[in-house]
Amino acid sequence: MLVLSRQREESIMIGDDIVVTVVEIRGDKIRLGIKAPADVPVHREEIYNAIQQEKSA
């Protein structure tokens, strides 16, 4: 796992067309903004896992 440090309003790039930006930091929580092409699904991990479970049922 790659671990990066970022401050508010700083971003990381994933490939050429996915941008993850730190929008806000509040105590022990952060808010992330994610820009990705419409054909790239973006989910929280628990939602992704639920979708995968549903597909296999």
PDB file of N, CA and C in Angstrom:
ATOM      1  N   MET A   1       0.845  -1.173   0.000  1.00  0.00           N
ATOM      2  CA  MET A   1       0.000   0.000   0.000  1.00  0.00           C
ATOM      3  C   MET A   1       0.889   1.234   0.000  1.00  0.00           C
ATOM      4  N   LEU A   2       0.605   2.135  -0.901  1.00  0.00           N
ATOM      5  CA  LEU A   2       1.294   3.418  -0.948  1.00  0.00           C
ATOM      6  C   LEU A   2       0.627   4.351   0.044  1.00  0.00           C
ATOM      7  N   VAL A   3       1.394   4.978   0.926  1.00  0.00           N
ATOM      8  CA  VAL A   3       0.863   5.918   1.905  1.00  0.00           C
ATOM      9  C   VAL A   3       1.453   7.286   1.600  1.00  0.00           C
ATOM     10  N   LEU A   4       0.581   8.271   1.400  1.00  0.00           N
ATOM     11  CA  LEU A   4       1.004   9.626   1.068  1.00  0.00           C
ATOM     12  C   LEU A   4       0.480  10.611   2.095  1.00  0.00           C
ATOM     13  N   SER A   5       1.234  11.653   2.343  1.00  0.00           N
ATOM     14  CA  SER A   5       0.770  12.751   3.191  1.00  0.00           C
ATOM     15  C   SER A   5       0.317  13.891   2.292  1.00  0.00           C
ATOM     16  N   ARG A   6      -0.836  14.444   2.561  1.00  0.00           N
ATOM     17  CA  ARG A   6      -1.373  15.570   1.801  1.00  0.00           C
ATOM     18  C   ARG A   6      -1.988  16.547   2.778  1.00  0.00           C
ATOM     19  N   GLN A   7      -1.976  17.796   2.429  1.00  0.00           N
ATOM     20  CA  GLN A   7      -2.649  18.813   3.216  1.00  0.00           C
ATOM     21  C   GLN A   7      -3.931  19.220   2.507  1.00  0.00           C
ATOM     22  N   ARG A   8      -4.736  20.040   3.177  1.00  0.00           N
ATOM     23  CA  ARG A   8      -6.002  20.480   2.594  1.00  0.00           C
ATOM     24  C   ARG A   8      -5.767  21.117   1.225  1.00  0.00           C
ATOM     25  N   GLU A   9      -6.633  20.772   0.294  1.00  0.00           N
ATOM     26  CA  GLU A   9      -6.623  21.257  -1.082  1.00  0.00           C
ATOM     27  C   GLU A   9      -5.454  20.724  -1.922  1.00  0.00           C
ATOM     28  N   GLU A  10      -4.692  19.764  -1.404  1.00  0.00           N
ATOM     29  CA  GLU A  10      -3.676  19.091  -2.202  1.00  0.00           C
ATOM     30  C   GLU A  10      -4.284  17.819  -2.779  1.00  0.00           C
ATOM     31  N   SER A  11      -3.739  17.376  -3.908  1.00  0.00           N
ATOM     32  CA  SER A  11      -4.316  16.249  -4.633  1.00  0.00           C
ATOM     33  C   SER A  11      -3.279  15.187  -4.935  1.00  0.00           C
ATOM     34  N   ILE A  12      -3.782  14.022  -5.320  1.00  0.00           N
ATOM     35  CA  ILE A  12      -2.951  12.973  -5.910  1.00  0.00           C
ATOM     36  C   ILE A  12      -3.611  12.565  -7.222  1.00  0.00           C
ATOM     37  N   MET A  13      -2.816  12.093  -8.136  1.00  0.00           N
ATOM     38  CA  MET A  13      -3.310  11.619  -9.430  1.00  0.00           C
ATOM     39  C   MET A  13      -3.225  10.104  -9.454  1.00  0.00           C
ATOM     40  N   ILE A  14      -4.260   9.474  -9.994  1.00  0.00           N
ATOM     41  CA  ILE A  14      -4.263   8.036 -10.235  1.00  0.00           C
ATOM     42  C   ILE A  14      -4.401   7.883 -11.742  1.00  0.00           C
ATOM     43  N   GLY A  15      -3.352   7.424 -12.359  1.00  0.00           N
ATOM     44  CA  GLY A  15      -3.339   7.384 -13.816  1.00  0.00           C
ATOM     45  C   GLY A  15      -3.385   8.797 -14.367  1.00  0.00           C
ATOM     46  N   ASP A  16      -3.970   8.935 -15.549  1.00  0.00           N
ATOM     47  CA  ASP A  16      -4.033  10.237 -16.199  1.00  0.00           C
ATOM     48  C   ASP A  16      -5.329  10.990 -15.945  1.00  0.00           C
ATOM     49  N   ASP A  17      -6.353  10.299 -15.415  1.00  0.00           N
ATOM     50  CA  ASP A  17      -7.655  10.955 -15.376  1.00  0.00           C
ATOM     51  C   ASP A  17      -8.449  10.807 -14.079  1.00  0.00           C
ATOM     52  N   ILE A  18      -7.790  10.399 -13.003  1.00  0.00           N
ATOM     53  CA  ILE A  18      -8.462  10.338 -11.697  1.00  0.00           C
ATOM     54  C   ILE A  18      -7.689  11.222 -10.730  1.00  0.00           C
ATOM     55  N   VAL A  19      -8.404  12.164 -10.112  1.00  0.00           N
ATOM     56  CA  VAL A  19      -7.795  13.106  -9.173  1.00  0.00           C
ATOM     57  C   VAL A  19      -8.502  12.944  -7.827  1.00  0.00           C
ATOM     58  N   VAL A  20      -7.724  12.737  -6.766  1.00  0.00           N
ATOM     59  CA  VAL A  20      -8.258  12.659  -5.409  1.00  0.00           C
ATOM     60  C   VAL A  20      -7.718  13.868  -4.646  1.00  0.00           C
ATOM     61  N   THR A  21      -8.620  14.711  -4.137  1.00  0.00           N
ATOM     62  CA  THR A  21      -8.244  15.953  -3.473  1.00  0.00           C
ATOM     63  C   THR A  21      -8.720  15.938  -2.022  1.00  0.00           C
ATOM     64  N   VAL A  22      -7.868  16.373  -1.107  1.00  0.00           N
ATOM     65  CA  VAL A  22      -8.266  16.552   0.290  1.00  0.00           C
ATOM     66  C   VAL A  22      -9.069  17.848   0.348  1.00  0.00           C
ATOM     67  N   VAL A  23     -10.361  17.733   0.643  1.00  0.00           N
ATOM     68  CA  VAL A  23     -11.251  18.888   0.649  1.00  0.00           C
ATOM     69  C   VAL A  23     -11.273  19.542   2.026  1.00  0.00           C
ATOM     70  N   GLU A  24     -11.316  18.721   3.071  1.00  0.00           N
ATOM     71  CA  GLU A  24     -11.463  19.266   4.420  1.00  0.00           C
ATOM     72  C   GLU A  24     -10.891  18.284   5.432  1.00  0.00           C
ATOM     73  N   ILE A  25     -10.346  18.826   6.510  1.00  0.00           N
ATOM     74  CA  ILE A  25      -9.833  18.014   7.616  1.00  0.00           C
ATOM     75  C   ILE A  25     -10.506  18.512   8.886  1.00  0.00           C
ATOM     76  N   ARG A  26     -11.194  17.585   9.578  1.00  0.00           N
ATOM     77  CA  ARG A  26     -11.862  17.915  10.844  1.00  0.00           C
ATOM     78  C   ARG A  26     -11.483  16.876  11.875  1.00  0.00           C
ATOM     79  N   GLY A  27     -10.637  17.233  12.802  1.00  0.00           N
ATOM     80  CA  GLY A  27     -10.226  16.280  13.828  1.00  0.00           C
ATOM     81  C   GLY A  27      -9.607  15.051  13.206  1.00  0.00           C
ATOM     82  N   ASP A  28     -10.208  13.896  13.451  1.00  0.00           N
ATOM     83  CA  ASP A  28      -9.659  12.641  12.930  1.00  0.00           C
ATOM     84  C   ASP A  28     -10.341  12.196  11.636  1.00  0.00           C
ATOM     85  N   LYS A  29     -11.111  13.094  10.998  1.00  0.00           N
ATOM     86  CA  LYS A  29     -11.784  12.747   9.748  1.00  0.00           C
ATOM     87  C   LYS A  29     -11.347  13.690   8.637  1.00  0.00           C
ATOM     88  N   ILE A  30     -11.311  13.146   7.427  1.00  0.00           N
ATOM     89  CA  ILE A  30     -11.028  13.970   6.261  1.00  0.00           C
ATOM     90  C   ILE A  30     -12.149  13.801   5.246  1.00  0.00           C
ATOM     91  N   ARG A  31     -12.341  14.812   4.415  1.00  0.00           N
ATOM     92  CA  ARG A  31     -13.277  14.713   3.300  1.00  0.00           C
ATOM     93  C   ARG A  31     -12.448  14.726   2.033  1.00  0.00           C
ATOM     94  N   LEU A  32     -12.741  13.789   1.155  1.00  0.00           N
ATOM     95  CA  LEU A  32     -12.022  13.666  -0.104  1.00  0.00           C
ATOM     96  C   LEU A  32     -12.960  13.997  -1.253  1.00  0.00           C
ATOM     97  N   GLY A  33     -12.422  14.694  -2.245  1.00  0.00           N
ATOM     98  CA  GLY A  33     -13.133  14.902  -3.501  1.00  0.00           C
ATOM     99  C   GLY A  33     -12.482  14.018  -4.545  1.00  0.00           C
ATOM    100  N   ILE A  34     -13.284  13.342  -5.361  1.00  0.00           N
ATOM    101  CA  ILE A  34     -12.749  12.423  -6.362  1.00  0.00           C
ATOM    102  C   ILE A  34     -13.317  12.803  -7.721  1.00  0.00           C
ATOM    103  N   LYS A  35     -12.426  13.112  -8.661  1.00  0.00           N
ATOM    104  CA  LYS A  35     -12.824  13.361 -10.046  1.00  0.00           C
ATOM    105  C   LYS A  35     -12.375  12.165 -10.858  1.00  0.00           C
ATOM    106  N   ALA A  36     -13.337  11.520 -11.495  1.00  0.00           N
ATOM    107  CA  ALA A  36     -13.039  10.344 -12.312  1.00  0.00           C
ATOM    108  C   ALA A  36     -13.983  10.343 -13.507  1.00  0.00           C
ATOM    109  N   PRO A  37     -13.570   9.693 -14.579  1.00  0.00           N
ATOM    110  CA  PRO A  37     -14.472   9.590 -15.732  1.00  0.00           C
ATOM    111  C   PRO A  37     -15.777   8.900 -15.330  1.00  0.00           C
ATOM    112  N   ALA A  38     -16.848   9.238 -16.048  1.00  0.00           N
ATOM    113  CA  ALA A  38     -18.171   8.696 -15.723  1.00  0.00           C
ATOM    114  C   ALA A  38     -18.223   7.175 -15.799  1.00  0.00           C
ATOM    115  N   ASP A  39     -17.334   6.566 -16.600  1.00  0.00           N
ATOM    116  CA  ASP A  39     -17.368   5.111 -16.742  1.00  0.00           C
ATOM    117  C   ASP A  39     -16.542   4.387 -15.673  1.00  0.00           C
ATOM    118  N   VAL A  40     -15.966   5.137 -14.718  1.00  0.00           N
ATOM    119  CA  VAL A  40     -15.200   4.542 -13.620  1.00  0.00           C
ATOM    120  C   VAL A  40     -16.047   4.612 -12.354  1.00  0.00           C
ATOM    121  N   PRO A  41     -16.521   3.461 -11.848  1.00  0.00           N
ATOM    122  CA  PRO A  41     -17.327   3.499 -10.628  1.00  0.00           C
ATOM    123  C   PRO A  41     -16.469   3.864  -9.413  1.00  0.00           C
ATOM    124  N   VAL A  42     -17.020   4.717  -8.555  1.00  0.00           N
ATOM    125  CA  VAL A  42     -16.339   5.125  -7.324  1.00  0.00           C
ATOM    126  C   VAL A  42     -17.306   4.866  -6.177  1.00  0.00           C
ATOM    127  N   HIS A  43     -16.903   3.996  -5.230  1.00  0.00           N
ATOM    128  CA  HIS A  43     -17.751   3.639  -4.097  1.00  0.00           C
ATOM    129  C   HIS A  43     -16.926   3.625  -2.816  1.00  0.00           C
ATOM    130  N   ARG A  44     -17.599   3.853  -1.693  1.00  0.00           N
ATOM    131  CA  ARG A  44     -16.977   3.559  -0.399  1.00  0.00           C
ATOM    132  C   ARG A  44     -16.796   2.054  -0.332  1.00  0.00           C
ATOM    133  N   GLU A  45     -15.807   1.612   0.429  1.00  0.00           N
ATOM    134  CA  GLU A  45     -15.490   0.175   0.467  1.00  0.00           C
ATOM    135  C   GLU A  45     -16.681  -0.664   0.902  1.00  0.00           C
ATOM    136  N   GLU A  46     -17.433  -0.224   1.902  1.00  0.00           N
ATOM    137  CA  GLU A  46     -18.551  -1.038   2.387  1.00  0.00           C
ATOM    138  C   GLU A  46     -19.645  -1.161   1.324  1.00  0.00           C
ATOM    139  N   ILE A  47     -19.842  -0.130   0.527  1.00  0.00           N
ATOM    140  CA  ILE A  47     -20.814  -0.199  -0.562  1.00  0.00           C
ATOM    141  C   ILE A  47     -20.303  -1.139  -1.656  1.00  0.00           C
ATOM    142  N   TYR A  48     -19.041  -1.019  -2.000  1.00  0.00           N
ATOM    143  CA  TYR A  48     -18.434  -1.905  -2.995  1.00  0.00           C
ATOM    144  C   TYR A  48     -18.597  -3.365  -2.573  1.00  0.00           C
ATOM    145  N   ASN A  49     -18.298  -3.662  -1.304  1.00  0.00           N
ATOM    146  CA  ASN A  49     -18.423  -5.041  -0.798  1.00  0.00           C
ATOM    147  C   ASN A  49     -19.867  -5.533  -0.878  1.00  0.00           C
ATOM    148  N   ALA A  50     -20.819  -4.676  -0.573  1.00  0.00           N
ATOM    149  CA  ALA A  50     -22.239  -5.061  -0.647  1.00  0.00           C
ATOM    150  C   ALA A  50     -22.627  -5.352  -2.090  1.00  0.00           C
ATOM    151  N   ILE A  51     -22.140  -4.560  -3.035  1.00  0.00           N
ATOM    152  CA  ILE A  51     -22.428  -4.790  -4.452  1.00  0.00           C
ATOM    153  C   ILE A  51     -21.847  -6.126  -4.886  1.00  0.00           C
ATOM    154  N   GLN A  52     -20.624  -6.418  -4.474  1.00  0.00           N
ATOM    155  CA  GLN A  52     -19.985  -7.677  -4.840  1.00  0.00           C
ATOM    156  C   GLN A  52     -20.723  -8.859  -4.247  1.00  0.00           C
ATOM    157  N   GLN A  53     -21.170  -8.712  -2.996  1.00  0.00           N
ATOM    158  CA  GLN A  53     -21.932  -9.797  -2.354  1.00  0.00           C
ATOM    159  C   GLN A  53     -23.237 -10.049  -3.099  1.00  0.00           C
ATOM    160  N   GLU A  54     -23.893  -8.969  -3.500  1.00  0.00           N
ATOM    161  CA  GLU A  54     -25.151  -9.097  -4.223  1.00  0.00           C
ATOM    162  C   GLU A  54     -24.943  -9.783  -5.571  1.00  0.00           C
ATOM    163  N   LYS A  55     -23.859  -9.461  -6.245  1.00  0.00           N
ATOM    164  CA  LYS A  55     -23.559 -10.085  -7.537  1.00  0.00           C
ATOM    165  C   LYS A  55     -23.335 -11.583  -7.407  1.00  0.00           C
ATOM    166  N   SER A  56     -22.724 -12.011  -6.294  1.00  0.00           N
ATOM    167  CA  SER A  56     -22.404 -13.425  -6.135  1.00  0.00           C
ATOM    168  C   SER A  56     -23.575 -14.239  -5.579  1.00  0.00           C
ATOM    169  N   ALA A  57     -24.622 -13.553  -5.154  1.00  0.00           N
ATOM    170  CA  ALA A  57     -25.789 -14.262  -4.573  1.00  0.00           C
ATOM    171  C   ALA A  57     -26.717 -14.807  -5.635  1.00  0.00           C
TER     172      ALA A  57
END
